[in-house]
Amino acid sequence: MPWLFLLVALAALAVAFQTSSVTLVVVCLLVALLAMVAWVMGLFARRVGSRSRDESLMLNPDELRRMREQAEARRIAAQTAEPPGP
């Protein structure tokens, strides 16, 4: 989708260079500017989106607390199961 904005910007610039109407030149240059900004913002959004973590893989606080309790129970069970030292 960002590449579509680039094509629109280039088309607007081409029309602005070919026309002799001042009003149309101003409108085309504004469209080209807005399309270029949208193109750059789209590229940034894609880059940030590709580097973000998947939210479904994040643990919620309840699950994290349950895992800590399980680890604590295993640690206590391992300590009580060890035979006393010499």
Protein backbone atom coordinates (compact mmCIF):
# COMPACT_ATOMS: atom_id res chain seq x y z
CA MET A 1 0.00 0.00 0.00
CA PRO A 2 2.77 2.55 0.69
CA TRP A 3 4.00 2.14 -2.89
CA LEU A 4 0.62 3.30 -4.13
CA PHE A 5 1.19 6.63 -2.39
CA LEU A 6 4.54 6.95 -4.13
CA LEU A 7 2.93 6.34 -7.51
CA VAL A 8 0.27 8.95 -6.76
CA ALA A 9 2.95 11.45 -5.76
CA LEU A 10 4.92 10.84 -8.95
CA ALA A 11 1.79 11.16 -11.08
CA ALA A 12 0.87 14.42 -9.34
CA LEU A 13 4.36 15.77 -9.98
CA ALA A 14 4.16 14.77 -13.64
CA VAL A 15 0.84 16.57 -14.01
CA ALA A 16 2.22 19.63 -12.20
CA PHE A 17 5.16 19.85 -14.62
CA GLN A 18 2.98 19.41 -17.72
CA THR A 19 0.19 21.87 -16.95
CA SER A 20 0.13 25.61 -17.50
CA SER A 21 -2.57 26.38 -14.93
CA VAL A 22 -1.20 27.86 -11.71
CA THR A 23 -4.13 26.54 -9.67
CA LEU A 24 -3.64 23.01 -10.96
CA VAL A 25 0.11 23.22 -10.26
CA VAL A 26 -0.54 24.23 -6.65
CA VAL A 27 -3.12 21.47 -6.17
CA CYS A 28 -0.87 18.84 -7.73
CA LEU A 29 2.12 19.89 -5.63
CA LEU A 30 0.02 19.69 -2.46
CA VAL A 31 -1.25 16.25 -3.45
CA ALA A 32 2.33 15.16 -4.20
CA LEU A 33 3.53 16.44 -0.83
CA LEU A 34 0.75 14.70 1.08
CA ALA A 35 1.26 11.47 -0.85
CA MET A 36 5.01 11.53 -0.15
CA VAL A 37 4.37 12.05 3.56
CA ALA A 38 1.85 9.18 3.54
CA TRP A 39 4.39 6.99 1.72
CA VAL A 40 7.14 7.67 4.26
CA MET A 41 4.76 7.13 7.19
CA GLY A 42 3.62 3.85 5.65
CA LEU A 43 7.22 2.67 5.35
CA PHE A 44 7.89 3.60 8.97
CA ALA A 45 4.74 1.82 10.12
CA ARG A 46 5.76 -1.34 8.28
CA ARG A 47 9.24 -1.24 9.76
CA VAL A 48 7.99 -0.75 13.31
CA GLY A 49 5.33 -3.42 12.83
CA SER A 50 7.84 -5.97 11.62
CA ARG A 51 10.01 -5.46 14.70
CA SER A 52 7.28 -5.62 17.34
CA ARG A 53 6.65 -8.76 19.35
CA ASP A 54 3.58 -10.91 18.95
CA GLU A 55 1.19 -10.00 21.75
CA SER A 56 -0.26 -13.51 21.88
CA LEU A 57 3.11 -14.79 23.12
CA MET A 58 3.17 -12.44 26.11
CA LEU A 59 2.20 -13.85 29.49
CA ASN A 60 -0.59 -12.25 31.42
CA PRO A 61 -0.04 -11.57 35.14
CA ASP A 62 -2.21 -14.48 36.32
CA GLU A 63 -0.33 -17.00 34.22
CA LEU A 64 3.01 -15.56 35.33
CA ARG A 65 1.97 -15.82 39.00
CA ARG A 66 0.84 -19.45 38.46
CA MET A 67 4.18 -20.32 36.85
CA ARG A 68 6.08 -18.74 39.77
CA GLU A 69 4.01 -20.74 42.26
CA GLN A 70 4.74 -23.95 40.33
CA ALA A 71 8.46 -23.20 40.24
CA GLU A 72 8.46 -22.45 43.97
CA ALA A 73 6.61 -25.71 44.69
CA ARG A 74 9.13 -27.67 42.60
CA ARG A 75 12.03 -25.99 44.38
CA ILE A 76 10.58 -26.83 47.79
CA ALA A 77 9.84 -30.42 46.69
CA ALA A 78 13.42 -30.82 45.42
CA GLN A 79 14.84 -29.51 48.71
CA THR A 80 12.72 -31.85 50.85
CA ALA A 81 13.44 -34.86 48.63
CA GLU A 82 17.22 -34.51 49.00
CA PRO A 83 18.76 -36.83 51.59
CA PRO A 84 20.50 -35.06 54.44
CA GLY A 85 24.25 -34.49 54.10
CA PRO A 86 26.92 -36.67 55.87
